[in-house]
Amino acid sequence: MSDVKVLSVDLGPVAVLDDPVPEERRIAGVPMRGARSTYDSDKDGFYAGVWESEPGAWRVSYDEDELCVILAGRMRLIADDGTVAEYRAGEAFVVPRGFRGTWETIEHVRKIYAISV
């Protein structure tokens, strides 16, 4: 018999948004963020859960691969080369390792994340 259990992801709102975007990365607003982890494995370099953000924009630099499934709200990614991609509730996308650009939360966003480092 295996001790490994399947984990359900709570899709509800994150209770507390208490993680401000660092000032040196902010472009617009002072958005607060929060997350609720469902699974963290430092050994395997895999992390999954739910994340939320208030409206605002900030610089991002990905050293990991991330799958995002938007549960609520609307956001856009603007790559350093000027490419723009906008996503809303019900849509999903992957941000590959090495992406550099701007994350803009247009409407309060809640997403499922799955990160591989």
PDB file of N, CA and C in Angstrom:
ATOM      1  N   MET A   1       0.827  -1.178   0.000  1.00  0.00           N
ATOM      2  CA  MET A   1       0.000   0.000   0.000  1.00  0.00           C
ATOM      3  C   MET A   1       0.879   1.252   0.000  1.00  0.00           C
ATOM      4  N   SER A   2       0.478   2.284  -0.733  1.00  0.00           N
ATOM      5  CA  SER A   2       1.268   3.502  -0.875  1.00  0.00           C
ATOM      6  C   SER A   2       0.817   4.568   0.127  1.00  0.00           C
ATOM      7  N   ASP A   3       1.795   5.318   0.642  1.00  0.00           N
ATOM      8  CA  ASP A   3       1.478   6.446   1.520  1.00  0.00           C
ATOM      9  C   ASP A   3       1.253   7.729   0.729  1.00  0.00           C
ATOM     10  N   VAL A   4       1.408   7.685  -0.587  1.00  0.00           N
ATOM     11  CA  VAL A   4       1.245   8.861  -1.437  1.00  0.00           C
ATOM     12  C   VAL A   4      -0.242   9.142  -1.608  1.00  0.00           C
ATOM     13  N   LYS A   5      -0.626  10.393  -1.366  1.00  0.00           N
ATOM     14  CA  LYS A   5      -2.034  10.781  -1.452  1.00  0.00           C
ATOM     15  C   LYS A   5      -2.213  11.872  -2.496  1.00  0.00           C
ATOM     16  N   VAL A   6      -3.309  11.828  -3.219  1.00  0.00           N
ATOM     17  CA  VAL A   6      -3.674  12.867  -4.162  1.00  0.00           C
ATOM     18  C   VAL A   6      -4.171  14.068  -3.358  1.00  0.00           C
ATOM     19  N   LEU A   7      -3.757  15.267  -3.749  1.00  0.00           N
ATOM     20  CA  LEU A   7      -4.125  16.483  -3.020  1.00  0.00           C
ATOM     21  C   LEU A   7      -5.127  17.304  -3.817  1.00  0.00           C
ATOM     22  N   SER A   8      -6.175  17.774  -3.166  1.00  0.00           N
ATOM     23  CA  SER A   8      -7.141  18.671  -3.791  1.00  0.00           C
ATOM     24  C   SER A   8      -6.666  20.104  -3.643  1.00  0.00           C
ATOM     25  N   VAL A   9      -6.896  20.893  -4.675  1.00  0.00           N
ATOM     26  CA  VAL A   9      -6.528  22.312  -4.651  1.00  0.00           C
ATOM     27  C   VAL A   9      -7.761  23.115  -4.274  1.00  0.00           C
ATOM     28  N   ASP A  10      -7.672  23.883  -3.187  1.00  0.00           N
ATOM     29  CA  ASP A  10      -8.753  24.781  -2.769  1.00  0.00           C
ATOM     30  C   ASP A  10      -8.744  25.969  -3.721  1.00  0.00           C
ATOM     31  N   LEU A  11      -9.791  26.116  -4.522  1.00  0.00           N
ATOM     32  CA  LEU A  11      -9.852  27.166  -5.538  1.00  0.00           C
ATOM     33  C   LEU A  11     -10.399  28.490  -5.016  1.00  0.00           C
ATOM     34  N   GLY A  12     -10.783  28.527  -3.747  1.00  0.00           N
ATOM     35  CA  GLY A  12     -11.341  29.738  -3.159  1.00  0.00           C
ATOM     36  C   GLY A  12     -10.312  30.833  -2.990  1.00  0.00           C
ATOM     37  N   PRO A  13     -10.789  32.026  -2.610  1.00  0.00           N
ATOM     38  CA  PRO A  13      -9.883  33.158  -2.411  1.00  0.00           C
ATOM     39  C   PRO A  13      -8.807  32.875  -1.364  1.00  0.00           C
ATOM     40  N   VAL A  14      -7.655  33.477  -1.557  1.00  0.00           N
ATOM     41  CA  VAL A  14      -6.570  33.421  -0.581  1.00  0.00           C
ATOM     42  C   VAL A  14      -6.972  34.342   0.566  1.00  0.00           C
ATOM     43  N   ALA A  15      -6.871  33.862   1.792  1.00  0.00           N
ATOM     44  CA  ALA A  15      -7.381  34.593   2.954  1.00  0.00           C
ATOM     45  C   ALA A  15      -6.696  35.942   3.172  1.00  0.00           C
ATOM     46  N   VAL A  16      -5.381  35.998   2.999  1.00  0.00           N
ATOM     47  CA  VAL A  16      -4.640  37.221   3.309  1.00  0.00           C
ATOM     48  C   VAL A  16      -3.688  37.556   2.167  1.00  0.00           C
ATOM     49  N   LEU A  17      -3.778  38.790   1.694  1.00  0.00           N
ATOM     50  CA  LEU A  17      -2.815  39.297   0.715  1.00  0.00           C
ATOM     51  C   LEU A  17      -1.841  40.184   1.480  1.00  0.00           C
ATOM     52  N   ASP A  18      -0.681  39.627   1.829  1.00  0.00           N
ATOM     53  CA  ASP A  18       0.251  40.341   2.702  1.00  0.00           C
ATOM     54  C   ASP A  18       1.672  40.390   2.147  1.00  0.00           C
ATOM     55  N   ASP A  19       1.801  40.162   0.839  1.00  0.00           N
ATOM     56  CA  ASP A  19       3.113  40.146   0.202  1.00  0.00           C
ATOM     57  C   ASP A  19       3.190  41.270  -0.826  1.00  0.00           C
ATOM     58  N   PRO A  20       3.752  42.432  -0.455  1.00  0.00           N
ATOM     59  CA  PRO A  20       3.846  43.531  -1.421  1.00  0.00           C
ATOM     60  C   PRO A  20       4.920  43.248  -2.472  1.00  0.00           C
ATOM     61  N   VAL A  21       4.694  43.727  -3.690  1.00  0.00           N
ATOM     62  CA  VAL A  21       5.733  43.654  -4.712  1.00  0.00           C
ATOM     63  C   VAL A  21       6.877  44.550  -4.242  1.00  0.00           C
ATOM     64  N   PRO A  22       8.116  44.053  -4.268  1.00  0.00           N
ATOM     65  CA  PRO A  22       9.247  44.885  -3.841  1.00  0.00           C
ATOM     66  C   PRO A  22       9.311  46.192  -4.635  1.00  0.00           C
ATOM     67  N   GLU A  23       9.599  47.259  -3.946  1.00  0.00           N
ATOM     68  CA  GLU A  23       9.589  48.593  -4.543  1.00  0.00           C
ATOM     69  C   GLU A  23      10.445  48.687  -5.800  1.00  0.00           C
ATOM     70  N   GLU A  24      11.605  48.031  -5.800  1.00  0.00           N
ATOM     71  CA  GLU A  24      12.504  48.139  -6.948  1.00  0.00           C
ATOM     72  C   GLU A  24      11.967  47.456  -8.207  1.00  0.00           C
ATOM     73  N   ARG A  25      10.931  46.634  -8.060  1.00  0.00           N
ATOM     74  CA  ARG A  25      10.330  45.954  -9.220  1.00  0.00           C
ATOM     75  C   ARG A  25       9.023  46.587  -9.668  1.00  0.00           C
ATOM     76  N   ARG A  26       8.449  47.470  -8.858  1.00  0.00           N
ATOM     77  CA  ARG A  26       7.142  48.077  -9.160  1.00  0.00           C
ATOM     78  C   ARG A  26       7.221  49.039 -10.340  1.00  0.00           C
ATOM     79  N   ILE A  27       6.184  48.956 -11.186  1.00  0.00           N
ATOM     80  CA  ILE A  27       6.023  49.882 -12.302  1.00  0.00           C
ATOM     81  C   ILE A  27       4.797  50.751 -12.067  1.00  0.00           C
ATOM     82  N   ALA A  28       3.708  50.139 -11.575  1.00  0.00           N
ATOM     83  CA  ALA A  28       2.461  50.862 -11.320  1.00  0.00           C
ATOM     84  C   ALA A  28       1.773  50.281 -10.095  1.00  0.00           C
ATOM     85  N   GLY A  29       1.281  51.161  -9.230  1.00  0.00           N
ATOM     86  CA  GLY A  29       0.556  50.742  -8.043  1.00  0.00           C
ATOM     87  C   GLY A  29       1.470  50.148  -6.980  1.00  0.00           C
ATOM     88  N   VAL A  30       0.820  49.704  -5.915  1.00  0.00           N
ATOM     89  CA  VAL A  30       1.506  49.012  -4.818  1.00  0.00           C
ATOM     90  C   VAL A  30       0.697  47.736  -4.552  1.00  0.00           C
ATOM     91  N   PRO A  31       0.716  46.816  -5.527  1.00  0.00           N
ATOM     92  CA  PRO A  31      -0.136  45.626  -5.398  1.00  0.00           C
ATOM     93  C   PRO A  31       0.314  44.692  -4.282  1.00  0.00           C
ATOM     94  N   MET A  32      -0.667  44.198  -3.549  1.00  0.00           N
ATOM     95  CA  MET A  32      -0.425  43.177  -2.534  1.00  0.00           C
ATOM     96  C   MET A  32      -0.757  41.830  -3.163  1.00  0.00           C
ATOM     97  N   ARG A  33       0.011  40.822  -2.765  1.00  0.00           N
ATOM     98  CA  ARG A  33      -0.166  39.470  -3.289  1.00  0.00           C
ATOM     99  C   ARG A  33      -0.269  38.494  -2.124  1.00  0.00           C
ATOM    100  N   GLY A  34      -0.767  37.320  -2.426  1.00  0.00           N
ATOM    101  CA  GLY A  34      -0.827  36.267  -1.412  1.00  0.00           C
ATOM    102  C   GLY A  34      -0.927  34.910  -2.085  1.00  0.00           C
ATOM    103  N   ALA A  35      -0.559  33.874  -1.360  1.00  0.00           N
ATOM    104  CA  ALA A  35      -0.594  32.524  -1.917  1.00  0.00           C
ATOM    105  C   ALA A  35      -1.007  31.525  -0.849  1.00  0.00           C
ATOM    106  N   ARG A  36      -1.579  30.423  -1.327  1.00  0.00           N
ATOM    107  CA  ARG A  36      -1.906  29.288  -0.469  1.00  0.00           C
ATOM    108  C   ARG A  36      -1.312  28.061  -1.151  1.00  0.00           C
ATOM    109  N   SER A  37      -0.305  27.512  -0.540  1.00  0.00           N
ATOM    110  CA  SER A  37       0.383  26.363  -1.118  1.00  0.00           C
ATOM    111  C   SER A  37      -0.442  25.089  -0.925  1.00  0.00           C
ATOM    112  N   THR A  38      -0.494  24.278  -1.973  1.00  0.00           N
ATOM    113  CA  THR A  38      -1.107  22.957  -1.902  1.00  0.00           C
ATOM    114  C   THR A  38      -0.033  21.883  -1.824  1.00  0.00           C
ATOM    115  N   TYR A  39       1.083  22.142  -2.518  1.00  0.00           N
ATOM    116  CA  TYR A  39       2.145  21.143  -2.577  1.00  0.00           C
ATOM    117  C   TYR A  39       3.484  21.848  -2.744  1.00  0.00           C
ATOM    118  N   ASP A  40       4.442  21.513  -1.895  1.00  0.00           N
ATOM    119  CA  ASP A  40       5.811  22.038  -1.980  1.00  0.00           C
ATOM    120  C   ASP A  40       6.772  20.868  -1.878  1.00  0.00           C
ATOM    121  N   SER A  41       7.619  20.709  -2.884  1.00  0.00           N
ATOM    122  CA  SER A  41       8.638  19.657  -2.831  1.00  0.00           C
ATOM    123  C   SER A  41       9.985  20.249  -3.226  1.00  0.00           C
ATOM    124  N   ASP A  42      10.766  20.629  -2.222  1.00  0.00           N
ATOM    125  CA  ASP A  42      12.107  21.129  -2.508  1.00  0.00           C
ATOM    126  C   ASP A  42      12.946  20.037  -3.163  1.00  0.00           C
ATOM    127  N   LYS A  43      12.728  18.804  -2.748  1.00  0.00           N
ATOM    128  CA  LYS A  43      13.479  17.670  -3.294  1.00  0.00           C
ATOM    129  C   LYS A  43      13.272  17.531  -4.805  1.00  0.00           C
ATOM    130  N   ASP A  44      12.027  17.689  -5.245  1.00  0.00           N
ATOM    131  CA  ASP A  44      11.692  17.537  -6.661  1.00  0.00           C
ATOM    132  C   ASP A  44      11.661  18.861  -7.416  1.00  0.00           C
ATOM    133  N   GLY A  45      11.732  19.982  -6.699  1.00  0.00           N
ATOM    134  CA  GLY A  45      11.668  21.284  -7.346  1.00  0.00           C
ATOM    135  C   GLY A  45      10.314  21.565  -7.967  1.00  0.00           C
ATOM    136  N   PHE A  46       9.239  21.126  -7.284  1.00  0.00           N
ATOM    137  CA  PHE A  46       7.889  21.326  -7.807  1.00  0.00           C
ATOM    138  C   PHE A  46       7.009  21.933  -6.720  1.00  0.00           C
ATOM    139  N   TYR A  47       6.229  22.954  -7.114  1.00  0.00           N
ATOM    140  CA  TYR A  47       5.389  23.690  -6.175  1.00  0.00           C
ATOM    141  C   TYR A  47       4.058  23.997  -6.861  1.00  0.00           C
ATOM    142  N   ALA A  48       2.953  23.891  -6.121  1.00  0.00           N
ATOM    143  CA  ALA A  48       1.636  24.161  -6.691  1.00  0.00           C
ATOM    144  C   ALA A  48       0.725  24.738  -5.620  1.00  0.00           C
ATOM    145  N   GLY A  49      -0.216  25.569  -6.057  1.00  0.00           N
ATOM    146  CA  GLY A  49      -1.170  26.169  -5.140  1.00  0.00           C
ATOM    147  C   GLY A  49      -1.987  27.236  -5.836  1.00  0.00           C
ATOM    148  N   VAL A  50      -2.490  28.158  -5.035  1.00  0.00           N
ATOM    149  CA  VAL A  50      -3.304  29.267  -5.537  1.00  0.00           C
ATOM    150  C   VAL A  50      -2.645  30.570  -5.121  1.00  0.00           C
ATOM    151  N   TRP A  51      -2.639  31.541  -6.035  1.00  0.00           N
ATOM    152  CA  TRP A  51      -1.993  32.845  -5.838  1.00  0.00           C
ATOM    153  C   TRP A  51      -2.978  33.925  -6.244  1.00  0.00           C
ATOM    154  N   GLU A  52      -2.916  35.066  -5.558  1.00  0.00           N
ATOM    155  CA  GLU A  52      -3.771  36.208  -5.904  1.00  0.00           C
ATOM    156  C   GLU A  52      -2.961  37.484  -5.920  1.00  0.00           C
ATOM    157  N   SER A  53      -3.461  38.453  -6.690  1.00  0.00           N
ATOM    158  CA  SER A  53      -2.815  39.763  -6.753  1.00  0.00           C
ATOM    159  C   SER A  53      -3.843  40.860  -6.970  1.00  0.00           C
ATOM    160  N   GLU A  54      -3.584  41.982  -6.297  1.00  0.00           N
ATOM    161  CA  GLU A  54      -4.339  43.203  -6.555  1.00  0.00           C
ATOM    162  C   GLU A  54      -3.796  43.838  -7.836  1.00  0.00           C
ATOM    163  N   PRO A  55      -4.558  44.777  -8.428  1.00  0.00           N
ATOM    164  CA  PRO A  55      -4.081  45.451  -9.640  1.00  0.00           C
ATOM    165  C   PRO A  55      -2.759  46.187  -9.428  1.00  0.00           C
ATOM    166  N   GLY A  56      -1.963  46.178 -10.482  1.00  0.00           N
ATOM    167  CA  GLY A  56      -0.670  46.845 -10.489  1.00  0.00           C
ATOM    168  C   GLY A  56       0.223  46.195 -11.535  1.00  0.00           C
ATOM    169  N   ALA A  57       1.439  46.711 -11.681  1.00  0.00           N
ATOM    170  CA  ALA A  57       2.382  46.167 -12.662  1.00  0.00           C
ATOM    171  C   ALA A  57       3.775  46.147 -12.062  1.00  0.00           C
ATOM    172  N   TRP A  58       4.542  45.094 -12.425  1.00  0.00           N
ATOM    173  CA  TRP A  58       5.900  44.967 -11.910  1.00  0.00           C
ATOM    174  C   TRP A  58       6.752  44.130 -12.858  1.00  0.00           C
ATOM    175  N   ARG A  59       8.057  44.319 -12.756  1.00  0.00           N
ATOM    176  CA  ARG A  59       9.036  43.568 -13.547  1.00  0.00           C
ATOM    177  C   ARG A  59       9.098  42.118 -13.053  1.00  0.00           C
ATOM    178  N   VAL A  60       9.213  41.190 -14.010  1.00  0.00           N
ATOM    179  CA  VAL A  60       9.388  39.779 -13.674  1.00  0.00           C
ATOM    180  C   VAL A  60      10.575  39.211 -14.446  1.00  0.00           C
ATOM    181  N   SER A  61      11.199  38.226 -13.844  1.00  0.00           N
ATOM    182  CA  SER A  61      12.331  37.531 -14.440  1.00  0.00           C
ATOM    183  C   SER A  61      12.232  36.085 -13.964  1.00  0.00           C
ATOM    184  N   TYR A  62      11.864  35.180 -14.867  1.00  0.00           N
ATOM    185  CA  TYR A  62      11.576  33.796 -14.492  1.00  0.00           C
ATOM    186  C   TYR A  62      12.814  32.914 -14.566  1.00  0.00           C
ATOM    187  N   ASP A  63      13.167  32.303 -13.448  1.00  0.00           N
ATOM    188  CA  ASP A  63      14.232  31.307 -13.376  1.00  0.00           C
ATOM    189  C   ASP A  63      13.639  29.910 -13.250  1.00  0.00           C
ATOM    190  N   GLU A  64      12.339  29.790 -13.473  1.00  0.00           N
ATOM    191  CA  GLU A  64      11.591  28.545 -13.365  1.00  0.00           C
ATOM    192  C   GLU A  64      10.542  28.513 -14.463  1.00  0.00           C
ATOM    193  N   ASP A  65       9.937  27.344 -14.685  1.00  0.00           N
ATOM    194  CA  ASP A  65       8.799  27.208 -15.596  1.00  0.00           C
ATOM    195  C   ASP A  65       7.539  27.259 -14.747  1.00  0.00           C
ATOM    196  N   GLU A  66       6.513  27.969 -15.228  1.00  0.00           N
ATOM    197  CA  GLU A  66       5.272  28.065 -14.457  1.00  0.00           C
ATOM    198  C   GLU A  66       4.050  27.907 -15.352  1.00  0.00           C
ATOM    199  N   LEU A  67       3.170  26.984 -14.949  1.00  0.00           N
ATOM    200  CA  LEU A  67       1.852  26.849 -15.545  1.00  0.00           C
ATOM    201  C   LEU A  67       0.906  27.701 -14.718  1.00  0.00           C
ATOM    202  N   CYS A  68       0.115  28.551 -15.379  1.00  0.00           N
ATOM    203  CA  CYS A  68      -0.879  29.396 -14.702  1.00  0.00           C
ATOM    204  C   CYS A  68      -2.258  29.104 -15.287  1.00  0.00           C
ATOM    205  N   VAL A  69      -3.243  28.922 -14.414  1.00  0.00           N
ATOM    206  CA  VAL A  69      -4.639  28.777 -14.818  1.00  0.00           C
ATOM    207  C   VAL A  69      -5.391  29.900 -14.120  1.00  0.00           C
ATOM    208  N   ILE A  70      -5.904  30.845 -14.880  1.00  0.00           N
ATOM    209  CA  ILE A  70      -6.587  32.007 -14.305  1.00  0.00           C
ATOM    210  C   ILE A  70      -7.989  31.596 -13.863  1.00  0.00           C
ATOM    211  N   LEU A  71      -8.249  31.770 -12.573  1.00  0.00           N
ATOM    212  CA  LEU A  71      -9.562  31.440 -11.997  1.00  0.00           C
ATOM    213  C   LEU A  71     -10.479  32.647 -11.967  1.00  0.00           C
ATOM    214  N   ALA A  72      -9.902  33.836 -11.775  1.00  0.00           N
ATOM    215  CA  ALA A  72     -10.695  35.069 -11.683  1.00  0.00           C
ATOM    216  C   ALA A  72      -9.816  36.235 -12.122  1.00  0.00           C
ATOM    217  N   GLY A  73     -10.443  37.252 -12.696  1.00  0.00           N
ATOM    218  CA  GLY A  73      -9.731  38.466 -13.049  1.00  0.00           C
ATOM    219  C   GLY A  73      -9.126  38.458 -14.438  1.00  0.00           C
ATOM    220  N   ARG A  74      -8.214  39.436 -14.631  1.00  0.00           N
ATOM    221  CA  ARG A  74      -7.594  39.631 -15.944  1.00  0.00           C
ATOM    222  C   ARG A  74      -6.197  40.184 -15.746  1.00  0.00           C
ATOM    223  N   MET A  75      -5.253  39.702 -16.567  1.00  0.00           N
ATOM    224  CA  MET A  75      -3.867  40.157 -16.458  1.00  0.00           C
ATOM    225  C   MET A  75      -3.212  40.098 -17.824  1.00  0.00           C
ATOM    226  N   ARG A  76      -2.033  40.723 -17.914  1.00  0.00           N
ATOM    227  CA  ARG A  76      -1.268  40.632 -19.151  1.00  0.00           C
ATOM    228  C   ARG A  76       0.210  40.494 -18.845  1.00  0.00           C
ATOM    229  N   LEU A  77       0.902  39.842 -19.757  1.00  0.00           N
ATOM    230  CA  LEU A  77       2.352  39.747 -19.714  1.00  0.00           C
ATOM    231  C   LEU A  77       2.890  40.517 -20.909  1.00  0.00           C
ATOM    232  N   ILE A  78       3.877  41.356 -20.652  1.00  0.00           N
ATOM    233  CA  ILE A  78       4.506  42.137 -21.706  1.00  0.00           C
ATOM    234  C   ILE A  78       5.988  41.753 -21.711  1.00  0.00           C
ATOM    235  N   ALA A  79       6.402  41.032 -22.749  1.00  0.00           N
ATOM    236  CA  ALA A  79       7.792  40.595 -22.844  1.00  0.00           C
ATOM    237  C   ALA A  79       8.691  41.786 -23.156  1.00  0.00           C
ATOM    238  N   ASP A  80       9.963  41.654 -22.821  1.00  0.00           N
ATOM    239  CA  ASP A  80      10.925  42.717 -23.100  1.00  0.00           C
ATOM    240  C   ASP A  80      11.005  43.052 -24.586  1.00  0.00           C
ATOM    241  N   ASP A  81      10.633  42.103 -25.460  1.00  0.00           N
ATOM    242  CA  ASP A  81      10.647  42.386 -26.902  1.00  0.00           C
ATOM    243  C   ASP A  81       9.373  43.094 -27.369  1.00  0.00           C
ATOM    244  N   GLY A  82       8.446  43.387 -26.416  1.00  0.00           N
ATOM    245  CA  GLY A  82       7.211  44.104 -26.745  1.00  0.00           C
ATOM    246  C   GLY A  82       6.006  43.217 -26.994  1.00  0.00           C
ATOM    247  N   THR A  83       6.179  41.912 -27.062  1.00  0.00           N
ATOM    248  CA  THR A  83       5.062  40.986 -27.255  1.00  0.00           C
ATOM    249  C   THR A  83       4.124  41.058 -26.048  1.00  0.00           C
ATOM    250  N   VAL A  84       2.822  41.173 -26.334  1.00  0.00           N
ATOM    251  CA  VAL A  84       1.818  41.287 -25.275  1.00  0.00           C
ATOM    252  C   VAL A  84       0.872  40.095 -25.351  1.00  0.00           C
ATOM    253  N   ALA A  85       0.602  39.477 -24.194  1.00  0.00           N
ATOM    254  CA  ALA A  85      -0.372  38.388 -24.099  1.00  0.00           C
ATOM    255  C   ALA A  85      -1.281  38.685 -22.914  1.00  0.00           C
ATOM    256  N   GLU A  86      -2.587  38.669 -23.152  1.00  0.00           N
ATOM    257  CA  GLU A  86      -3.558  38.959 -22.099  1.00  0.00           C
ATOM    258  C   GLU A  86      -4.382  37.715 -21.811  1.00  0.00           C
ATOM    259  N   TYR A  87      -4.649  37.488 -20.510  1.00  0.00           N
ATOM    260  CA  TYR A  87      -5.390  36.308 -20.073  1.00  0.00           C
ATOM    261  C   TYR A  87      -6.460  36.703 -19.076  1.00  0.00           C
ATOM    262  N   ARG A  88      -7.531  35.919 -19.074  1.00  0.00           N
ATOM    263  CA  ARG A  88      -8.658  36.155 -18.160  1.00  0.00           C
ATOM    264  C   ARG A  88      -9.149  34.828 -17.609  1.00  0.00           C
ATOM    265  N   ALA A  89     -10.109  34.912 -16.713  1.00  0.00           N
ATOM    266  CA  ALA A  89     -10.663  33.712 -16.081  1.00  0.00           C
ATOM    267  C   ALA A  89     -11.019  32.658 -17.127  1.00  0.00           C
ATOM    268  N   GLY A  90     -10.596  31.412 -16.844  1.00  0.00           N
ATOM    269  CA  GLY A  90     -10.873  30.295 -17.735  1.00  0.00           C
ATOM    270  C   GLY A  90      -9.766  30.012 -18.727  1.00  0.00           C
ATOM    271  N   GLU A  91      -8.727  30.853 -18.752  1.00  0.00           N
ATOM    272  CA  GLU A  91      -7.616  30.653 -19.684  1.00  0.00           C
ATOM    273  C   GLU A  91      -6.370  30.196 -18.924  1.00  0.00           C
ATOM    274  N   ALA A  92      -5.474  29.546 -19.651  1.00  0.00           N
ATOM    275  CA  ALA A  92      -4.245  29.021 -19.052  1.00  0.00           C
ATOM    276  C   ALA A  92      -3.073  29.311 -19.972  1.00  0.00           C
ATOM    277  N   PHE A  93      -1.881  29.363 -19.370  1.00  0.00           N
ATOM    278  CA  PHE A  93      -0.672  29.630 -20.148  1.00  0.00           C
ATOM    279  C   PHE A  93       0.539  29.130 -19.373  1.00  0.00           C
ATOM    280  N   VAL A  94       1.654  29.011 -20.078  1.00  0.00           N
ATOM    281  CA  VAL A  94       2.921  28.620 -19.473  1.00  0.00           C
ATOM    282  C   VAL A  94       3.918  29.752 -19.664  1.00  0.00           C
ATOM    283  N   VAL A  95       4.588  30.129 -18.577  1.00  0.00           N
ATOM    284  CA  VAL A  95       5.686  31.090 -18.641  1.00  0.00           C
ATOM    285  C   VAL A  95       6.969  30.275 -18.549  1.00  0.00           C
ATOM    286  N   PRO A  96       7.767  30.254 -19.629  1.00  0.00           N
ATOM    287  CA  PRO A  96       8.983  29.441 -19.598  1.00  0.00           C
ATOM    288  C   PRO A  96      10.127  30.134 -18.859  1.00  0.00           C
ATOM    289  N   ARG A  97      10.985  29.316 -18.326  1.00  0.00           N
ATOM    290  CA  ARG A  97      12.229  29.777 -17.698  1.00  0.00           C
ATOM    291  C   ARG A  97      12.939  30.716 -18.683  1.00  0.00           C
ATOM    292  N   GLY A  98      13.411  31.853 -18.189  1.00  0.00           N
ATOM    293  CA  GLY A  98      14.113  32.809 -19.036  1.00  0.00           C
ATOM    294  C   GLY A  98      13.256  33.984 -19.477  1.00  0.00           C
ATOM    295  N   PHE A  99      11.914  33.906 -19.279  1.00  0.00           N
ATOM    296  CA  PHE A  99      11.048  35.031 -19.658  1.00  0.00           C
ATOM    297  C   PHE A  99      11.415  36.255 -18.829  1.00  0.00           C
ATOM    298  N   ARG A 100      11.511  37.393 -19.495  1.00  0.00           N
ATOM    299  CA  ARG A 100      11.765  38.677 -18.830  1.00  0.00           C
ATOM    300  C   ARG A 100      10.745  39.672 -19.359  1.00  0.00           C
ATOM    301  N   GLY A 101      10.174  40.447 -18.450  1.00  0.00           N
ATOM    302  CA  GLY A 101       9.200  41.443 -18.892  1.00  0.00           C
ATOM    303  C   GLY A 101       8.414  42.024 -17.737  1.00  0.00           C
ATOM    304  N   THR A 102       7.137  42.310 -18.010  1.00  0.00           N
ATOM    305  CA  THR A 102       6.243  42.948 -17.038  1.00  0.00           C
ATOM    306  C   THR A 102       5.013  42.081 -16.826  1.00  0.00           C
ATOM    307  N   TRP A 103       4.653  41.886 -15.552  1.00  0.00           N
ATOM    308  CA  TRP A 103       3.372  41.265 -15.174  1.00  0.00           C
ATOM    309  C   TRP A 103       2.464  42.415 -14.796  1.00  0.00           C
ATOM    310  N   GLU A 104       1.296  42.506 -15.442  1.00  0.00           N
ATOM    311  CA  GLU A 104       0.322  43.537 -15.104  1.00  0.00           C
ATOM    312  C   GLU A 104      -0.998  42.880 -14.715  1.00  0.00           C
ATOM    313  N   THR A 105      -1.402  43.099 -13.470  1.00  0.00           N
ATOM    314  CA  THR A 105      -2.718  42.642 -13.031  1.00  0.00           C
ATOM    315  C   THR A 105      -3.686  43.784 -13.325  1.00  0.00           C
ATOM    316  N   ILE A 106      -4.599  43.551 -14.269  1.00  0.00           N
ATOM    317  CA  ILE A 106      -5.563  44.567 -14.697  1.00  0.00           C
ATOM    318  C   ILE A 106      -6.769  44.572 -13.762  1.00  0.00           C
ATOM    319  N   GLU A 107      -7.303  43.383 -13.497  1.00  0.00           N
ATOM    320  CA  GLU A 107      -8.386  43.180 -12.532  1.00  0.00           C
ATOM    321  C   GLU A 107      -7.896  42.148 -11.530  1.00  0.00           C
ATOM    322  N   HIS A 108      -8.256  42.307 -10.272  1.00  0.00           N
ATOM    323  CA  HIS A 108      -7.830  41.385  -9.212  1.00  0.00           C
ATOM    324  C   HIS A 108      -7.780  39.957  -9.761  1.00  0.00           C
ATOM    325  N   VAL A 109      -6.618  39.313  -9.672  1.00  0.00           N
ATOM    326  CA  VAL A 109      -6.406  37.985 -10.265  1.00  0.00           C
ATOM    327  C   VAL A 109      -6.245  36.914  -9.190  1.00  0.00           C
ATOM    328  N   ARG A 110      -6.855  35.759  -9.462  1.00  0.00           N
ATOM    329  CA  ARG A 110      -6.603  34.549  -8.678  1.00  0.00           C
ATOM    330  C   ARG A 110      -6.252  33.457  -9.685  1.00  0.00           C
ATOM    331  N   LYS A 111      -5.171  32.740  -9.416  1.00  0.00           N
ATOM    332  CA  LYS A 111      -4.727  31.708 -10.359  1.00  0.00           C
ATOM    333  C   LYS A 111      -4.251  30.475  -9.611  1.00  0.00           C
ATOM    334  N   ILE A 112      -4.318  29.338 -10.311  1.00  0.00           N
ATOM    335  CA  ILE A 112      -3.615  28.135  -9.892  1.00  0.00           C
ATOM    336  C   ILE A 112      -2.222  28.246 -10.483  1.00  0.00           C
ATOM    337  N   TYR A 113      -1.209  27.921  -9.696  1.00  0.00           N
ATOM    338  CA  TYR A 113       0.149  27.883 -10.226  1.00  0.00           C
ATOM    339  C   TYR A 113       0.745  26.489 -10.026  1.00  0.00           C
ATOM    340  N   ALA A 114       1.584  26.107 -10.963  1.00  0.00           N
ATOM    341  CA  ALA A 114       2.398  24.892 -10.853  1.00  0.00           C
ATOM    342  C   ALA A 114       3.777  25.278 -11.360  1.00  0.00           C
ATOM    343  N   ILE A 115       4.763  25.223 -10.473  1.00  0.00           N
ATOM    344  CA  ILE A 115       6.106  25.702 -10.776  1.00  0.00           C
ATOM    345  C   ILE A 115       7.099  24.548 -10.709  1.00  0.00           C
ATOM    346  N   SER A 116       7.948  24.498 -11.729  1.00  0.00           N
ATOM    347  CA  SER A 116       9.044  23.540 -11.758  1.00  0.00           C
ATOM    348  C   SER A 116      10.360  24.301 -11.816  1.00  0.00           C
ATOM    349  N   VAL A 117      11.234  24.043 -10.847  1.00  0.00           N
ATOM    350  CA  VAL A 117      12.523  24.754 -10.823  1.00  0.00           C
ATOM    351  C   VAL A 117      13.652  23.838 -11.261  1.00  0.00           C
TER     352      VAL A 117
END
